[in-house]
């Protein structure tokens, strides 16, 4: 029967999950852009949520502790994550400098759902930074919950699902703002800066 300790563990997982996911990252930036453009939003939200849930389960099952116990592997993941973030930051900077590639209206050529699916998968499964947050860090914290670690995982999974849904569906409220190319330039410029800052933090942690 669900009791107070289980609810506390789930609440802790919810808050910790939000603290990790509510930040500008490559995955969140992609979901936001899809929401603003109104392209395959539910597909992207579903893929990102399911991927996060699988990674959370892996972390709580013990993968995070295994990786954390191997400093060399953790450092390699940090450096890989930094390279991924820098690459995405470079793409965002390029978009910011080329406003002709940033159409938010119906004249923009939409990507097919297959291409969108593979892109969403890549932003999760090819991004080492996601593994560091979801598997290593969250998995390590979950270990301190003992027998209630799976309730902690439930809370973290709910946080992930709620955030991606809010980000993808809520972005439509900003569409009037992003009908102007200047707004896309500011957004992509900010994303580029945040990617570089995050990459620098990962490199600093690895060396």
N, C-alpha and C. Protein backbone atom coordinates (compact mmCIF):
# COMPACT_ATOMS: atom_id res chain seq x y z
N UNK A 1 0.85 -1.20 0.00
CA UNK A 1 0.00 0.00 0.00
C UNK A 1 0.87 1.24 0.00
N UNK A 2 0.48 2.23 -0.81
CA UNK A 2 1.26 3.45 -0.93
C UNK A 2 1.15 4.26 0.35
N UNK A 3 2.29 4.60 0.96
CA UNK A 3 2.30 5.36 2.19
C UNK A 3 3.16 6.60 2.10
N UNK A 4 3.37 7.21 3.28
CA UNK A 4 4.13 8.45 3.34
C UNK A 4 5.55 8.34 2.81
N UNK A 5 6.32 7.33 3.23
CA UNK A 5 7.70 7.22 2.74
C UNK A 5 7.79 7.07 1.22
N UNK A 6 6.86 6.31 0.66
CA UNK A 6 6.87 6.13 -0.79
C UNK A 6 6.56 7.44 -1.51
N UNK A 7 5.58 8.19 -0.96
CA UNK A 7 5.24 9.49 -1.55
C UNK A 7 6.41 10.46 -1.43
N UNK A 8 7.10 10.42 -0.31
CA UNK A 8 8.26 11.30 -0.13
C UNK A 8 9.36 10.95 -1.14
N UNK A 9 9.57 9.66 -1.36
CA UNK A 9 10.59 9.23 -2.32
C UNK A 9 10.20 9.66 -3.73
N UNK A 10 8.91 9.48 -4.08
CA UNK A 10 8.44 9.90 -5.40
C UNK A 10 8.56 11.41 -5.56
N UNK A 11 8.22 12.14 -4.49
CA UNK A 11 8.34 13.60 -4.54
C UNK A 11 9.78 14.04 -4.71
N UNK A 12 10.68 13.35 -4.02
CA UNK A 12 12.10 13.67 -4.16
C UNK A 12 12.57 13.41 -5.59
N UNK A 13 12.10 12.30 -6.16
CA UNK A 13 12.46 12.00 -7.55
C UNK A 13 11.91 13.03 -8.51
N UNK A 14 10.68 13.48 -8.25
CA UNK A 14 10.07 14.50 -9.10
C UNK A 14 10.88 15.79 -9.07
N UNK A 15 11.22 16.25 -7.88
CA UNK A 15 11.96 17.50 -7.76
C UNK A 15 13.37 17.37 -8.32
N UNK A 16 14.02 16.24 -8.05
CA UNK A 16 15.38 16.05 -8.56
C UNK A 16 15.36 15.93 -10.08
N UNK A 17 14.36 15.22 -10.61
CA UNK A 17 14.25 15.09 -12.05
C UNK A 17 14.05 16.44 -12.72
N UNK A 18 13.20 17.28 -12.13
CA UNK A 18 12.98 18.61 -12.69
C UNK A 18 14.25 19.46 -12.62
N UNK A 19 15.00 19.32 -11.53
CA UNK A 19 16.23 20.11 -11.40
C UNK A 19 17.24 19.76 -12.48
N UNK A 20 17.18 18.51 -12.97
CA UNK A 20 18.10 18.09 -14.03
C UNK A 20 17.60 18.48 -15.41
N UNK A 21 16.30 18.36 -15.63
CA UNK A 21 15.78 18.48 -16.99
C UNK A 21 15.36 19.90 -17.35
N UNK A 22 14.97 20.71 -16.35
CA UNK A 22 14.55 22.08 -16.64
C UNK A 22 15.78 22.96 -16.80
N UNK A 23 16.41 22.83 -17.91
CA UNK A 23 17.61 23.61 -18.24
C UNK A 23 17.77 23.60 -19.75
N UNK A 24 18.45 24.63 -20.25
CA UNK A 24 18.68 24.69 -21.68
C UNK A 24 19.73 23.65 -22.06
N UNK A 25 19.32 22.67 -22.82
CA UNK A 25 20.22 21.64 -23.31
C UNK A 25 19.87 21.33 -24.75
N UNK A 26 20.68 20.50 -25.38
CA UNK A 26 20.44 20.20 -26.79
C UNK A 26 19.08 19.54 -26.99
N UNK A 27 18.72 18.62 -26.10
CA UNK A 27 17.44 17.92 -26.22
C UNK A 27 16.27 18.88 -26.02
N UNK A 28 16.35 19.70 -24.97
CA UNK A 28 15.28 20.66 -24.71
C UNK A 28 15.16 21.69 -25.82
N UNK A 29 16.30 22.13 -26.34
CA UNK A 29 16.27 23.11 -27.43
C UNK A 29 15.58 22.53 -28.66
N UNK A 30 15.82 21.26 -28.93
CA UNK A 30 15.18 20.62 -30.08
C UNK A 30 13.67 20.52 -29.87
N UNK A 31 13.24 20.12 -28.67
CA UNK A 31 11.81 20.03 -28.38
C UNK A 31 11.16 21.40 -28.51
N UNK A 32 11.83 22.42 -28.00
CA UNK A 32 11.30 23.78 -28.08
C UNK A 32 11.13 24.23 -29.52
N UNK A 33 12.14 23.97 -30.35
CA UNK A 33 12.05 24.38 -31.75
C UNK A 33 10.92 23.64 -32.46
N UNK A 34 10.75 22.36 -32.16
CA UNK A 34 9.66 21.62 -32.79
C UNK A 34 8.31 22.16 -32.35
N UNK A 35 8.21 22.53 -31.07
CA UNK A 35 6.96 23.09 -30.59
C UNK A 35 6.65 24.43 -31.23
N UNK A 36 7.68 25.24 -31.41
CA UNK A 36 7.48 26.55 -32.03
C UNK A 36 7.06 26.41 -33.49
N UNK A 37 7.62 25.41 -34.16
CA UNK A 37 7.30 25.20 -35.56
C UNK A 37 6.03 24.36 -35.75
N UNK A 38 5.58 23.72 -34.66
CA UNK A 38 4.38 22.90 -34.73
C UNK A 38 4.55 21.65 -35.58
N UNK A 39 5.74 21.07 -35.56
CA UNK A 39 6.04 19.91 -36.41
C UNK A 39 6.25 18.64 -35.56
N UNK A 40 5.36 17.68 -35.71
CA UNK A 40 5.50 16.36 -35.08
C UNK A 40 5.79 16.49 -33.58
N UNK A 41 5.08 17.39 -32.91
CA UNK A 41 5.38 17.69 -31.51
C UNK A 41 5.14 16.47 -30.62
N UNK A 42 3.99 15.82 -30.76
CA UNK A 42 3.69 14.67 -29.91
C UNK A 42 4.67 13.52 -30.14
N UNK A 43 5.12 13.35 -31.38
CA UNK A 43 6.11 12.32 -31.68
C UNK A 43 7.41 12.61 -30.93
N UNK A 44 7.85 13.84 -31.00
CA UNK A 44 9.10 14.24 -30.34
C UNK A 44 8.96 14.11 -28.82
N UNK A 45 7.85 14.59 -28.28
CA UNK A 45 7.61 14.49 -26.84
C UNK A 45 7.59 13.02 -26.40
N UNK A 46 6.93 12.18 -27.17
CA UNK A 46 6.86 10.76 -26.83
C UNK A 46 8.21 10.08 -26.86
N UNK A 47 8.99 10.36 -27.91
CA UNK A 47 10.32 9.74 -28.04
C UNK A 47 11.23 10.19 -26.90
N UNK A 48 11.25 11.48 -26.61
CA UNK A 48 12.13 12.00 -25.56
C UNK A 48 11.71 11.48 -24.19
N UNK A 49 10.41 11.40 -23.95
CA UNK A 49 9.93 10.91 -22.66
C UNK A 49 10.26 9.43 -22.48
N UNK A 50 9.95 8.61 -23.49
CA UNK A 50 10.23 7.18 -23.39
C UNK A 50 11.72 6.92 -23.23
N UNK A 51 12.53 7.67 -23.96
CA UNK A 51 13.98 7.51 -23.86
C UNK A 51 14.47 7.85 -22.46
N UNK A 52 13.95 8.94 -21.90
CA UNK A 52 14.35 9.32 -20.55
C UNK A 52 13.93 8.27 -19.53
N UNK A 53 12.73 7.73 -19.69
CA UNK A 53 12.26 6.70 -18.76
C UNK A 53 13.18 5.48 -18.79
N UNK A 54 13.56 5.06 -20.00
CA UNK A 54 14.46 3.91 -20.12
C UNK A 54 15.82 4.20 -19.47
N UNK A 55 16.32 5.42 -19.64
CA UNK A 55 17.60 5.78 -19.04
C UNK A 55 17.48 5.88 -17.52
N UNK A 56 16.36 6.38 -17.03
CA UNK A 56 16.13 6.45 -15.59
C UNK A 56 16.11 5.04 -14.99
N UNK A 57 15.41 4.14 -15.66
CA UNK A 57 15.35 2.75 -15.19
C UNK A 57 16.75 2.13 -15.16
N UNK A 58 17.53 2.41 -16.20
CA UNK A 58 18.91 1.88 -16.25
C UNK A 58 19.74 2.43 -15.10
N UNK A 59 19.60 3.72 -14.83
CA UNK A 59 20.37 4.33 -13.75
C UNK A 59 19.98 3.78 -12.40
N UNK A 60 18.69 3.67 -12.13
CA UNK A 60 18.22 3.18 -10.83
C UNK A 60 18.53 1.69 -10.67
N UNK A 61 18.58 0.96 -11.77
CA UNK A 61 18.90 -0.47 -11.70
C UNK A 61 20.36 -0.74 -11.36
N UNK A 62 21.17 0.29 -11.38
CA UNK A 62 22.56 0.11 -10.97
C UNK A 62 23.60 0.52 -11.98
N UNK A 63 23.19 0.84 -13.18
CA UNK A 63 24.16 1.25 -14.21
C UNK A 63 24.90 2.51 -13.79
N UNK A 64 24.17 3.44 -13.16
CA UNK A 64 24.81 4.69 -12.74
C UNK A 64 25.94 4.46 -11.76
N UNK A 65 25.72 3.55 -10.81
CA UNK A 65 26.77 3.26 -9.82
C UNK A 65 27.98 2.62 -10.48
N UNK A 66 27.74 1.76 -11.47
CA UNK A 66 28.84 1.11 -12.18
C UNK A 66 29.69 2.14 -12.92
N UNK A 67 29.03 3.05 -13.63
CA UNK A 67 29.76 4.07 -14.38
C UNK A 67 30.48 5.02 -13.44
N UNK A 68 29.80 5.41 -12.34
CA UNK A 68 30.42 6.32 -11.39
C UNK A 68 31.66 5.71 -10.75
N UNK A 69 31.70 4.38 -10.66
CA UNK A 69 32.85 3.71 -10.08
C UNK A 69 34.02 3.55 -11.03
N UNK A 70 33.85 4.02 -12.26
CA UNK A 70 34.92 3.96 -13.25
C UNK A 70 35.23 5.38 -13.73
N UNK A 71 36.15 6.05 -13.04
CA UNK A 71 36.45 7.46 -13.36
C UNK A 71 36.82 7.69 -14.82
N UNK A 72 37.56 6.74 -15.41
CA UNK A 72 37.97 6.92 -16.80
C UNK A 72 36.78 6.97 -17.74
N UNK A 73 35.79 6.11 -17.50
CA UNK A 73 34.60 6.09 -18.34
C UNK A 73 33.78 7.36 -18.15
N UNK A 74 33.66 7.79 -16.90
CA UNK A 74 32.91 9.01 -16.62
C UNK A 74 33.56 10.22 -17.30
N UNK A 75 34.89 10.28 -17.26
CA UNK A 75 35.60 11.40 -17.91
C UNK A 75 35.40 11.37 -19.42
N UNK A 76 35.45 10.18 -20.00
CA UNK A 76 35.23 10.06 -21.44
C UNK A 76 33.82 10.51 -21.81
N UNK A 77 32.83 10.19 -20.98
CA UNK A 77 31.47 10.62 -21.24
C UNK A 77 31.34 12.13 -21.14
N UNK A 78 32.03 12.72 -20.19
CA UNK A 78 31.99 14.17 -20.06
C UNK A 78 32.59 14.85 -21.29
N UNK A 79 33.73 14.34 -21.75
CA UNK A 79 34.37 14.93 -22.93
C UNK A 79 33.51 14.71 -24.18
N UNK A 80 32.90 13.52 -24.27
CA UNK A 80 32.00 13.26 -25.39
C UNK A 80 30.79 14.18 -25.36
N UNK A 81 30.25 14.39 -24.16
CA UNK A 81 29.13 15.29 -24.02
C UNK A 81 29.49 16.72 -24.38
N UNK A 82 30.71 17.13 -24.01
CA UNK A 82 31.16 18.48 -24.36
C UNK A 82 31.26 18.64 -25.87
N UNK A 83 31.79 17.61 -26.55
CA UNK A 83 31.90 17.68 -28.02
C UNK A 83 30.52 17.75 -28.66
N UNK A 84 29.57 16.97 -28.14
CA UNK A 84 28.20 16.99 -28.68
C UNK A 84 27.57 18.36 -28.52
N UNK A 85 27.73 18.95 -27.33
CA UNK A 85 27.14 20.26 -27.07
C UNK A 85 27.78 21.34 -27.93
N UNK A 86 29.09 21.25 -28.12
CA UNK A 86 29.76 22.24 -28.97
C UNK A 86 29.28 22.13 -30.41
N UNK A 87 29.07 20.90 -30.88
CA UNK A 87 28.59 20.71 -32.25
C UNK A 87 27.20 21.31 -32.42
N UNK A 88 26.32 21.05 -31.44
CA UNK A 88 24.98 21.62 -31.55
C UNK A 88 25.01 23.13 -31.40
N UNK A 89 25.91 23.62 -30.53
CA UNK A 89 26.07 25.06 -30.38
C UNK A 89 26.51 25.72 -31.67
N UNK A 90 27.40 25.04 -32.40
CA UNK A 90 27.87 25.57 -33.68
C UNK A 90 26.72 25.65 -34.69
N UNK A 91 25.85 24.63 -34.70
CA UNK A 91 24.69 24.65 -35.60
C UNK A 91 23.74 25.78 -35.23
N UNK A 92 23.53 26.00 -33.92
CA UNK A 92 22.66 27.08 -33.49
C UNK A 92 23.25 28.43 -33.87
N UNK A 93 24.56 28.57 -33.70
CA UNK A 93 25.22 29.82 -34.08
C UNK A 93 25.09 30.07 -35.57
N UNK A 94 25.22 29.01 -36.35
CA UNK A 94 25.08 29.15 -37.80
C UNK A 94 23.68 29.62 -38.18
N UNK A 95 22.66 29.05 -37.51
CA UNK A 95 21.29 29.48 -37.77
C UNK A 95 21.08 30.94 -37.38
N UNK A 96 21.72 31.35 -36.27
CA UNK A 96 21.58 32.73 -35.81
C UNK A 96 22.20 33.71 -36.80
N UNK A 97 23.27 33.28 -37.47
CA UNK A 97 23.96 34.15 -38.43
C UNK A 97 23.34 34.10 -39.81
N UNK A 98 22.44 33.11 -40.03
CA UNK A 98 21.81 32.97 -41.34
C UNK A 98 20.29 32.98 -41.18
N UNK A 99 19.71 34.16 -41.03
CA UNK A 99 18.28 34.24 -40.77
C UNK A 99 17.42 33.66 -41.88
N UNK A 100 17.95 33.52 -43.07
CA UNK A 100 17.16 32.94 -44.16
C UNK A 100 16.81 31.48 -43.89
N UNK A 101 17.55 30.84 -42.98
CA UNK A 101 17.30 29.44 -42.66
C UNK A 101 16.37 29.28 -41.46
N UNK A 102 15.80 30.39 -40.98
CA UNK A 102 15.01 30.35 -39.75
C UNK A 102 13.60 30.83 -40.02
N UNK A 103 12.84 30.10 -40.81
CA UNK A 103 11.47 30.47 -41.10
C UNK A 103 10.53 29.81 -40.10
N UNK A 104 9.69 30.58 -39.45
CA UNK A 104 8.77 30.03 -38.47
C UNK A 104 7.36 29.93 -39.02
N UNK A 105 7.10 30.42 -40.22
CA UNK A 105 5.75 30.43 -40.74
C UNK A 105 5.49 29.22 -41.61
N UNK A 106 4.33 29.22 -42.25
CA UNK A 106 3.95 28.05 -43.03
C UNK A 106 4.80 27.87 -44.27
N UNK A 107 5.54 28.90 -44.66
CA UNK A 107 6.37 28.79 -45.86
C UNK A 107 7.59 27.91 -45.62
N UNK A 108 7.90 27.65 -44.35
CA UNK A 108 9.05 26.81 -44.05
C UNK A 108 8.77 25.38 -44.51
N UNK A 109 9.79 24.72 -44.98
CA UNK A 109 9.63 23.34 -45.45
C UNK A 109 9.69 22.40 -44.24
N UNK A 110 8.62 21.71 -43.89
CA UNK A 110 8.63 20.85 -42.71
C UNK A 110 9.43 19.57 -42.96
N UNK A 111 10.04 19.08 -41.89
CA UNK A 111 10.76 17.81 -41.98
C UNK A 111 9.77 16.67 -41.88
N UNK A 112 10.04 15.56 -42.55
CA UNK A 112 9.18 14.40 -42.46
C UNK A 112 9.25 13.77 -41.09
N UNK A 113 8.26 12.94 -40.76
CA UNK A 113 8.23 12.36 -39.42
C UNK A 113 9.36 11.37 -39.20
N UNK A 114 9.81 10.71 -40.25
CA UNK A 114 10.92 9.76 -40.09
C UNK A 114 12.21 10.50 -39.72
N UNK A 115 12.48 11.59 -40.44
CA UNK A 115 13.68 12.38 -40.14
C UNK A 115 13.58 12.97 -38.74
N UNK A 116 12.38 13.42 -38.36
CA UNK A 116 12.19 13.98 -37.03
C UNK A 116 12.39 12.91 -35.96
N UNK A 117 11.91 11.70 -36.22
CA UNK A 117 12.08 10.60 -35.27
C UNK A 117 13.55 10.31 -35.03
N UNK A 118 14.33 10.19 -36.10
CA UNK A 118 15.75 9.89 -35.96
C UNK A 118 16.49 11.03 -35.27
N UNK A 119 16.10 12.26 -35.56
CA UNK A 119 16.74 13.40 -34.91
C UNK A 119 16.46 13.40 -33.42
N UNK A 120 15.21 13.13 -33.03
CA UNK A 120 14.87 13.07 -31.61
C UNK A 120 15.63 11.96 -30.91
N UNK A 121 15.75 10.81 -31.55
CA UNK A 121 16.53 9.70 -30.97
C UNK A 121 17.99 10.08 -30.82
N UNK A 122 18.53 10.77 -31.81
CA UNK A 122 19.95 11.16 -31.76
C UNK A 122 20.22 12.13 -30.62
N UNK A 123 19.29 13.08 -30.39
CA UNK A 123 19.51 14.06 -29.33
C UNK A 123 19.48 13.42 -27.95
N UNK A 124 18.94 12.24 -27.83
CA UNK A 124 18.96 11.53 -26.55
C UNK A 124 20.08 10.51 -26.49
N UNK A 125 20.07 9.57 -27.42
CA UNK A 125 20.94 8.41 -27.30
C UNK A 125 22.37 8.65 -27.77
N UNK A 126 22.61 9.70 -28.56
CA UNK A 126 23.97 10.00 -29.00
C UNK A 126 24.59 11.15 -28.20
N UNK A 127 23.89 11.59 -27.18
CA UNK A 127 24.36 12.71 -26.36
C UNK A 127 24.88 12.19 -25.02
N UNK A 128 26.18 12.10 -24.83
CA UNK A 128 26.73 11.59 -23.56
C UNK A 128 26.30 12.41 -22.35
N UNK A 129 26.00 13.69 -22.57
CA UNK A 129 25.58 14.53 -21.45
C UNK A 129 24.29 14.01 -20.83
N UNK A 130 23.40 13.46 -21.64
CA UNK A 130 22.15 12.89 -21.13
C UNK A 130 22.44 11.70 -20.22
N UNK A 131 23.40 10.87 -20.61
CA UNK A 131 23.76 9.72 -19.77
C UNK A 131 24.32 10.17 -18.42
N UNK A 132 25.12 11.22 -18.43
CA UNK A 132 25.70 11.72 -17.18
C UNK A 132 24.61 12.17 -16.22
N UNK A 133 23.63 12.91 -16.74
CA UNK A 133 22.56 13.41 -15.88
C UNK A 133 21.59 12.31 -15.47
N UNK A 134 21.05 11.59 -16.45
CA UNK A 134 19.96 10.66 -16.19
C UNK A 134 20.42 9.34 -15.60
N UNK A 135 21.51 8.79 -16.13
CA UNK A 135 21.95 7.48 -15.66
C UNK A 135 22.89 7.61 -14.46
N UNK A 136 23.96 8.37 -14.62
CA UNK A 136 24.98 8.42 -13.57
C UNK A 136 24.50 9.20 -12.35
N UNK A 137 24.16 10.48 -12.56
CA UNK A 137 23.82 11.33 -11.41
C UNK A 137 22.51 10.90 -10.76
N UNK A 138 21.46 10.76 -11.55
CA UNK A 138 20.17 10.38 -10.97
C UNK A 138 20.23 8.98 -10.38
N UNK A 139 20.93 8.07 -11.06
CA UNK A 139 21.05 6.71 -10.53
C UNK A 139 21.80 6.66 -9.22
N UNK A 140 22.84 7.49 -9.10
CA UNK A 140 23.61 7.53 -7.85
C UNK A 140 22.79 8.08 -6.70
N UNK A 141 22.01 9.13 -6.97
CA UNK A 141 21.16 9.70 -5.93
C UNK A 141 20.06 8.71 -5.53
N UNK A 142 19.53 7.98 -6.50
CA UNK A 142 18.47 7.02 -6.20
C UNK A 142 18.95 5.92 -5.25
N UNK A 143 20.23 5.59 -5.31
CA UNK A 143 20.77 4.55 -4.43
C UNK A 143 20.55 4.88 -2.97
N UNK A 144 20.55 6.18 -2.63
CA UNK A 144 20.38 6.59 -1.24
C UNK A 144 18.95 6.41 -0.75
N UNK A 145 18.03 6.11 -1.67
CA UNK A 145 16.64 5.89 -1.28
C UNK A 145 16.38 4.45 -0.83
N UNK A 146 17.37 3.59 -1.00
CA UNK A 146 17.23 2.22 -0.55
C UNK A 146 16.11 1.48 -1.27
N UNK A 147 15.22 0.85 -0.48
CA UNK A 147 14.13 0.07 -1.05
C UNK A 147 13.10 0.93 -1.78
N UNK A 148 13.15 2.22 -1.52
CA UNK A 148 12.18 3.12 -2.16
C UNK A 148 12.75 3.80 -3.40
N UNK A 149 13.86 3.27 -3.92
CA UNK A 149 14.49 3.93 -5.07
C UNK A 149 13.62 3.88 -6.33
N UNK A 150 12.76 2.85 -6.44
CA UNK A 150 11.90 2.79 -7.62
C UNK A 150 10.78 3.80 -7.55
N UNK A 151 10.35 4.18 -6.35
CA UNK A 151 9.41 5.29 -6.22
C UNK A 151 10.08 6.59 -6.63
N UNK A 152 11.36 6.71 -6.28
CA UNK A 152 12.15 7.86 -6.71
C UNK A 152 12.19 7.90 -8.24
N UNK A 153 12.36 6.74 -8.86
CA UNK A 153 12.39 6.66 -10.32
C UNK A 153 11.05 7.07 -10.92
N UNK A 154 9.95 6.66 -10.28
CA UNK A 154 8.61 7.04 -10.77
C UNK A 154 8.48 8.56 -10.77
N UNK A 155 8.89 9.19 -9.69
CA UNK A 155 8.82 10.65 -9.62
C UNK A 155 9.64 11.32 -10.69
N UNK A 156 10.85 10.81 -10.94
CA UNK A 156 11.72 11.37 -11.97
C UNK A 156 11.11 11.19 -13.35
N UNK A 157 10.48 10.02 -13.59
CA UNK A 157 9.85 9.77 -14.89
C UNK A 157 8.67 10.71 -15.11
N UNK A 158 7.88 10.95 -14.07
CA UNK A 158 6.76 11.89 -14.18
C UNK A 158 7.27 13.29 -14.49
N UNK A 159 8.37 13.68 -13.85
CA UNK A 159 8.96 14.99 -14.10
C UNK A 159 9.37 15.13 -15.57
N UNK A 160 9.98 14.08 -16.11
CA UNK A 160 10.42 14.11 -17.50
C UNK A 160 9.24 14.24 -18.45
N UNK A 161 8.20 13.41 -18.23
CA UNK A 161 7.03 13.44 -19.10
C UNK A 161 6.33 14.79 -19.04
N UNK A 162 6.15 15.32 -17.83
CA UNK A 162 5.46 16.60 -17.67
C UNK A 162 6.23 17.74 -18.31
N UNK A 163 7.55 17.72 -18.15
CA UNK A 163 8.36 18.80 -18.71
C UNK A 163 8.35 18.79 -20.24
N UNK A 164 8.57 17.64 -20.84
CA UNK A 164 8.59 17.58 -22.30
C UNK A 164 7.24 17.96 -22.90
N UNK A 165 6.15 17.51 -22.25
CA UNK A 165 4.83 17.84 -22.74
C UNK A 165 4.57 19.34 -22.62
N UNK A 166 4.95 19.92 -21.49
CA UNK A 166 4.74 21.36 -21.29
C UNK A 166 5.59 22.17 -22.26
N UNK A 167 6.83 21.72 -22.49
CA UNK A 167 7.73 22.45 -23.38
C UNK A 167 7.25 22.37 -24.81
N UNK A 168 6.88 21.18 -25.26
CA UNK A 168 6.46 21.01 -26.64
C UNK A 168 5.13 21.67 -26.94
N UNK A 169 4.13 21.46 -26.06
CA UNK A 169 2.81 22.02 -26.29
C UNK A 169 2.73 23.49 -25.90
N UNK A 170 3.47 23.89 -24.88
CA UNK A 170 3.43 25.28 -24.43
C UNK A 170 4.12 26.23 -25.38
N UNK A 171 5.01 25.70 -26.22
CA UNK A 171 5.74 26.57 -27.15
C UNK A 171 4.81 27.28 -28.13
N UNK A 172 3.62 26.70 -28.36
CA UNK A 172 2.68 27.30 -29.31
C UNK A 172 2.28 28.70 -28.86
N UNK A 173 2.32 28.96 -27.55
CA UNK A 173 1.95 30.28 -27.04
C UNK A 173 2.94 31.35 -27.47
N UNK A 174 4.14 30.93 -27.82
CA UNK A 174 5.17 31.89 -28.22
C UNK A 174 5.27 32.04 -29.73
N UNK A 175 4.42 31.34 -30.48
CA UNK A 175 4.52 31.40 -31.94
C UNK A 175 4.37 32.81 -32.50
N UNK A 176 3.45 33.64 -31.96
CA UNK A 176 3.38 35.01 -32.50
C UNK A 176 4.70 35.78 -32.38
N UNK A 177 5.41 35.52 -31.28
CA UNK A 177 6.71 36.18 -31.10
C UNK A 177 7.72 35.68 -32.13
N UNK A 178 7.70 34.37 -32.36
CA UNK A 178 8.68 33.77 -33.26
C UNK A 178 8.24 33.80 -34.72
N UNK A 179 7.20 34.57 -35.00
CA UNK A 179 6.86 34.83 -36.40
C UNK A 179 7.88 35.79 -37.01
N UNK A 180 8.68 36.42 -36.16
CA UNK A 180 9.73 37.33 -36.63
C UNK A 180 11.07 36.60 -36.64
N UNK A 181 11.83 36.80 -37.70
CA UNK A 181 13.12 36.13 -37.80
C UNK A 181 14.08 36.58 -36.71
N UNK A 182 13.94 37.83 -36.27
CA UNK A 182 14.83 38.33 -35.22
C UNK A 182 14.70 37.52 -33.95
N UNK A 183 13.48 37.05 -33.65
CA UNK A 183 13.28 36.24 -32.44
C UNK A 183 14.01 34.91 -32.55
N UNK A 184 13.98 34.30 -33.73
CA UNK A 184 14.71 33.05 -33.95
C UNK A 184 16.21 33.29 -33.80
N UNK A 185 16.67 34.44 -34.28
CA UNK A 185 18.10 34.75 -34.17
C UNK A 185 18.51 34.86 -32.70
N UNK A 186 17.70 35.52 -31.89
CA UNK A 186 17.99 35.65 -30.47
C UNK A 186 17.97 34.28 -29.79
N UNK A 187 16.94 33.48 -30.10
CA UNK A 187 16.85 32.15 -29.49
C UNK A 187 18.06 31.30 -29.83
N UNK A 188 18.40 31.22 -31.11
CA UNK A 188 19.52 30.37 -31.49
C UNK A 188 20.84 30.92 -30.98
N UNK A 189 20.97 32.24 -30.90
CA UNK A 189 22.18 32.82 -30.32
C UNK A 189 22.31 32.46 -28.86
N UNK A 190 21.19 32.50 -28.11
CA UNK A 190 21.21 32.14 -26.69
C UNK A 190 21.53 30.66 -26.52
N UNK A 191 20.95 29.82 -27.38
CA UNK A 191 21.23 28.39 -27.31
C UNK A 191 22.71 28.12 -27.55
N UNK A 192 23.29 28.79 -28.54
CA UNK A 192 24.71 28.61 -28.84
C UNK A 192 25.57 28.95 -27.64
N UNK A 193 25.25 30.06 -26.98
CA UNK A 193 26.03 30.48 -25.81
C UNK A 193 25.90 29.46 -24.68
N UNK A 194 24.67 29.00 -24.41
CA UNK A 194 24.46 28.03 -23.34
C UNK A 194 25.16 26.71 -23.64
N UNK A 195 25.17 26.29 -24.90
CA UNK A 195 25.86 25.06 -25.25
C UNK A 195 27.35 25.15 -24.96
N UNK A 196 27.93 26.29 -25.29
CA UNK A 196 29.37 26.49 -25.03
C UNK A 196 29.65 26.50 -23.53
N UNK A 197 28.79 27.16 -22.77
CA UNK A 197 28.97 27.21 -21.31
C UNK A 197 28.88 25.82 -20.70
N UNK A 198 27.88 25.04 -21.13
CA UNK A 198 27.72 23.68 -20.62
C UNK A 198 28.90 22.80 -21.01
N UNK A 199 29.36 22.95 -22.25
CA UNK A 199 30.50 22.17 -22.71
C UNK A 199 31.75 22.50 -21.90
N UNK A 200 31.95 23.78 -21.62
CA UNK A 200 33.12 24.20 -20.82
C UNK A 200 33.04 23.61 -19.42
N UNK A 201 31.83 23.55 -18.85
CA UNK A 201 31.67 22.98 -17.52
C UNK A 201 31.99 21.49 -17.51
N UNK A 202 31.60 20.77 -18.56
CA UNK A 202 31.89 19.35 -18.65
C UNK A 202 33.39 19.10 -18.80
N UNK A 203 34.04 19.91 -19.64
CA UNK A 203 35.48 19.77 -19.82
C UNK A 203 36.21 20.05 -18.52
N UNK A 204 35.78 21.08 -17.82
CA UNK A 204 36.41 21.42 -16.53
C UNK A 204 36.25 20.30 -15.52
N UNK A 205 35.08 19.64 -15.53
CA UNK A 205 34.86 18.53 -14.60
C UNK A 205 35.65 17.30 -14.96
N UNK A 206 36.03 17.18 -16.24
CA UNK A 206 36.74 15.97 -16.70
C UNK A 206 38.24 16.07 -16.50
N UNK A 207 38.78 17.31 -16.38
CA UNK A 207 40.23 17.47 -16.29
C UNK A 207 40.67 17.93 -14.90
